[in-house]
Amino acid sequence: MIIITGKNRRTGYRFTNNQLQDFFKGKALKLKRPPSKREIDADPELPSYSTYLRRFGGKSNICNILQIDNIPADIHRQLCQDCTLNPTSCNQDPFDCASEANLYYRSTNSRKLI
């Protein structure tokens, strides 16, 4: 795999689907949630959001491919704020918490988080 650093990664280079998925997953792991469109575009180490849109059809599709719950960033932050554990030291994976919250909302016929 070719690794190009800085702003040059975003112009004139054709990424494979696997590379795009790896970049997205790496950013999601770093943030502990899927990155937003703004976060993708603001990161010079990532291809632009329009690249993901052209290749995968957007954030929802790539989250489905990577089997990541597509929880919006504001809801994800709220889950940690409302946590009954100490959010700074609970050491739980926010993706697991988001999945549990999604199951709860589905079981109560409330608005689905995704």
C-alpha atoms as a PDB file:
ATOM      1  CA  MET A   1       0.000   0.000   0.000  1.00  0.00           C
ATOM      2  CA  ILE A   2       1.283   3.455  -0.902  1.00  0.00           C
ATOM      3  CA  ILE A   3       1.113   5.987   1.907  1.00  0.00           C
ATOM      4  CA  ILE A   4       1.181   9.619   0.910  1.00  0.00           C
ATOM      5  CA  THR A   5       1.165  12.195   3.691  1.00  0.00           C
ATOM      6  CA  GLY A   6      -0.166  15.715   3.929  1.00  0.00           C
ATOM      7  CA  LYS A   7      -2.477  17.473   1.532  1.00  0.00           C
ATOM      8  CA  ASN A   8      -1.064  15.562  -1.458  1.00  0.00           C
ATOM      9  CA  ARG A   9      -3.105  12.524  -0.462  1.00  0.00           C
ATOM     10  CA  ARG A  10      -6.287  14.270  -1.496  1.00  0.00           C
ATOM     11  CA  THR A  11      -5.378  15.408  -4.988  1.00  0.00           C
ATOM     12  CA  GLY A  12      -4.556  13.310  -8.010  1.00  0.00           C
ATOM     13  CA  TYR A  13      -4.348   9.952  -6.272  1.00  0.00           C
ATOM     14  CA  ARG A  14      -6.798   7.111  -6.846  1.00  0.00           C
ATOM     15  CA  PHE A  15      -7.502   5.136  -3.686  1.00  0.00           C
ATOM     16  CA  THR A  16      -8.771   1.571  -3.655  1.00  0.00           C
ATOM     17  CA  ASN A  17     -12.040   0.840  -1.890  1.00  0.00           C
ATOM     18  CA  ASN A  18     -10.087  -1.030   0.788  1.00  0.00           C
ATOM     19  CA  GLN A  19      -7.847   1.985   1.393  1.00  0.00           C
ATOM     20  CA  LEU A  20     -10.858   4.278   1.706  1.00  0.00           C
ATOM     21  CA  GLN A  21     -12.476   1.869   4.146  1.00  0.00           C
ATOM     22  CA  ASP A  22      -9.249   1.633   6.173  1.00  0.00           C
ATOM     23  CA  PHE A  23      -8.965   5.434   6.352  1.00  0.00           C
ATOM     24  CA  PHE A  24     -12.590   5.768   7.451  1.00  0.00           C
ATOM     25  CA  LYS A  25     -12.295   2.995  10.022  1.00  0.00           C
ATOM     26  CA  GLY A  26      -9.065   4.475  11.393  1.00  0.00           C
ATOM     27  CA  LYS A  27     -10.734   7.860  11.839  1.00  0.00           C
ATOM     28  CA  ALA A  28     -13.765   6.188  13.457  1.00  0.00           C
ATOM     29  CA  LEU A  29     -11.532   4.307  15.897  1.00  0.00           C
ATOM     30  CA  LYS A  30      -9.665   7.505  16.737  1.00  0.00           C
ATOM     31  CA  LEU A  31     -12.920   9.407  17.365  1.00  0.00           C
ATOM     32  CA  LYS A  32     -14.627   6.349  18.886  1.00  0.00           C
ATOM     33  CA  ARG A  33     -17.549   7.019  16.507  1.00  0.00           C
ATOM     34  CA  PRO A  34     -18.032   7.457  12.775  1.00  0.00           C
ATOM     35  CA  PRO A  35     -16.616  10.759  11.509  1.00  0.00           C
ATOM     36  CA  SER A  36     -18.991  13.418  10.233  1.00  0.00           C
ATOM     37  CA  LYS A  37     -18.787  14.919   6.745  1.00  0.00           C
ATOM     38  CA  ARG A  38     -17.146  18.020   8.222  1.00  0.00           C
ATOM     39  CA  GLU A  39     -14.582  15.975  10.131  1.00  0.00           C
ATOM     40  CA  ILE A  40     -13.666  14.020   6.999  1.00  0.00           C
ATOM     41  CA  ASP A  41     -13.254  17.175   4.923  1.00  0.00           C
ATOM     42  CA  ALA A  42     -11.317  18.968   7.678  1.00  0.00           C
ATOM     43  CA  ASP A  43      -8.733  16.185   7.996  1.00  0.00           C
ATOM     44  CA  PRO A  44      -5.911  16.645   5.462  1.00  0.00           C
ATOM     45  CA  GLU A  45      -4.919  13.009   5.995  1.00  0.00           C
ATOM     46  CA  LEU A  46      -8.251  11.774   4.595  1.00  0.00           C
ATOM     47  CA  PRO A  47      -9.642  11.864   1.084  1.00  0.00           C
ATOM     48  CA  SER A  48     -12.545  14.294   0.771  1.00  0.00           C
ATOM     49  CA  TYR A  49     -16.090  13.309   1.681  1.00  0.00           C
ATOM     50  CA  SER A  50     -17.056  13.603  -1.992  1.00  0.00           C
ATOM     51  CA  THR A  51     -14.699  10.687  -2.704  1.00  0.00           C
ATOM     52  CA  TYR A  52     -16.638   8.531  -0.225  1.00  0.00           C
ATOM     53  CA  LEU A  53     -19.909   9.799  -1.671  1.00  0.00           C
ATOM     54  CA  ARG A  54     -18.902   8.873  -5.239  1.00  0.00           C
ATOM     55  CA  ARG A  55     -17.471   5.495  -4.279  1.00  0.00           C
ATOM     56  CA  PHE A  56     -19.872   4.265  -1.618  1.00  0.00           C
ATOM     57  CA  GLY A  57     -22.906   6.530  -1.776  1.00  0.00           C
ATOM     58  CA  GLY A  58     -22.199   8.282   1.510  1.00  0.00           C
ATOM     59  CA  LYS A  59     -21.599   7.773   5.187  1.00  0.00           C
ATOM     60  CA  SER A  60     -24.525   5.414   5.809  1.00  0.00           C
ATOM     61  CA  ASN A  61     -23.339   2.979   3.164  1.00  0.00           C
ATOM     62  CA  ILE A  62     -19.738   2.885   4.329  1.00  0.00           C
ATOM     63  CA  CYS A  63     -20.910   2.408   7.919  1.00  0.00           C
ATOM     64  CA  ASN A  64     -23.011  -0.545   6.735  1.00  0.00           C
ATOM     65  CA  ILE A  65     -20.035  -2.022   4.854  1.00  0.00           C
ATOM     66  CA  LEU A  66     -17.802  -1.669   7.922  1.00  0.00           C
ATOM     67  CA  GLN A  67     -20.612  -2.824  10.238  1.00  0.00           C
ATOM     68  CA  ILE A  68     -20.406   0.373  12.298  1.00  0.00           C
ATOM     69  CA  ASP A  69     -23.541   1.946  13.728  1.00  0.00           C
ATOM     70  CA  ASN A  70     -24.033   5.243  11.935  1.00  0.00           C
ATOM     71  CA  ILE A  71     -24.816   7.258  15.027  1.00  0.00           C
ATOM     72  CA  PRO A  72     -24.658  11.036  14.465  1.00  0.00           C
ATOM     73  CA  ALA A  73     -21.829  12.725  16.380  1.00  0.00           C
ATOM     74  CA  ASP A  74     -24.164  14.781  18.583  1.00  0.00           C
ATOM     75  CA  ILE A  75     -26.127  11.690  19.675  1.00  0.00           C
ATOM     76  CA  HIS A  76     -22.885   9.788  20.275  1.00  0.00           C
ATOM     77  CA  ARG A  77     -21.607  12.568  22.556  1.00  0.00           C
ATOM     78  CA  GLN A  78     -24.941  12.628  24.364  1.00  0.00           C
ATOM     79  CA  LEU A  79     -24.727   8.885  25.044  1.00  0.00           C
ATOM     80  CA  CYS A  80     -21.457   9.434  26.931  1.00  0.00           C
ATOM     81  CA  GLN A  81     -22.836  12.464  28.804  1.00  0.00           C
ATOM     82  CA  ASP A  82     -25.917  10.496  29.900  1.00  0.00           C
ATOM     83  CA  CYS A  83     -23.918   7.415  30.836  1.00  0.00           C
ATOM     84  CA  THR A  84     -24.601   6.065  34.317  1.00  0.00           C
ATOM     85  CA  LEU A  85     -20.962   5.047  34.552  1.00  0.00           C
ATOM     86  CA  ASN A  86     -18.180   7.584  34.731  1.00  0.00           C
ATOM     87  CA  PRO A  87     -17.753   8.368  31.005  1.00  0.00           C
ATOM     88  CA  THR A  88     -14.108   9.384  31.400  1.00  0.00           C
ATOM     89  CA  SER A  89     -13.072   6.116  33.036  1.00  0.00           C
ATOM     90  CA  CYS A  90     -15.677   3.504  32.078  1.00  0.00           C
ATOM     91  CA  ASN A  91     -13.397   2.114  29.317  1.00  0.00           C
ATOM     92  CA  GLN A  92     -16.389   0.829  27.378  1.00  0.00           C
ATOM     93  CA  ASP A  93     -16.330   0.998  23.623  1.00  0.00           C
ATOM     94  CA  PRO A  94     -18.726   3.788  22.541  1.00  0.00           C
ATOM     95  CA  PHE A  95     -19.693   1.667  19.526  1.00  0.00           C
ATOM     96  CA  ASP A  96     -20.991  -1.031  21.910  1.00  0.00           C
ATOM     97  CA  CYS A  97     -22.903   1.567  23.906  1.00  0.00           C
ATOM     98  CA  ALA A  98     -24.381   2.994  20.720  1.00  0.00           C
ATOM     99  CA  SER A  99     -25.431  -0.479  19.586  1.00  0.00           C
ATOM    100  CA  GLU A 100     -27.126  -1.120  22.930  1.00  0.00           C
ATOM    101  CA  ALA A 101     -28.918   2.231  22.727  1.00  0.00           C
ATOM    102  CA  ASN A 102     -30.051   1.418  19.198  1.00  0.00           C
ATOM    103  CA  LEU A 103     -31.466  -1.914  20.384  1.00  0.00           C
ATOM    104  CA  TYR A 104     -33.307  -0.087  23.169  1.00  0.00           C
ATOM    105  CA  TYR A 105     -34.843   2.417  20.777  1.00  0.00           C
ATOM    106  CA  ARG A 106     -35.888  -0.355  18.391  1.00  0.00           C
ATOM    107  CA  SER A 107     -37.502  -2.352  21.212  1.00  0.00           C
ATOM    108  CA  THR A 108     -39.540   0.635  22.374  1.00  0.00           C
ATOM    109  CA  ASN A 109     -40.662   1.590  18.844  1.00  0.00           C
ATOM    110  CA  SER A 110     -39.005   4.933  19.351  1.00  0.00           C
ATOM    111  CA  ARG A 111     -37.166   6.792  16.627  1.00  0.00           C
ATOM    112  CA  LYS A 112     -34.256   4.714  15.409  1.00  0.00           C
ATOM    113  CA  LEU A 113     -30.849   6.327  15.986  1.00  0.00           C
ATOM    114  CA  ILE A 114     -29.361   5.412  12.617  1.00  0.00           C
END
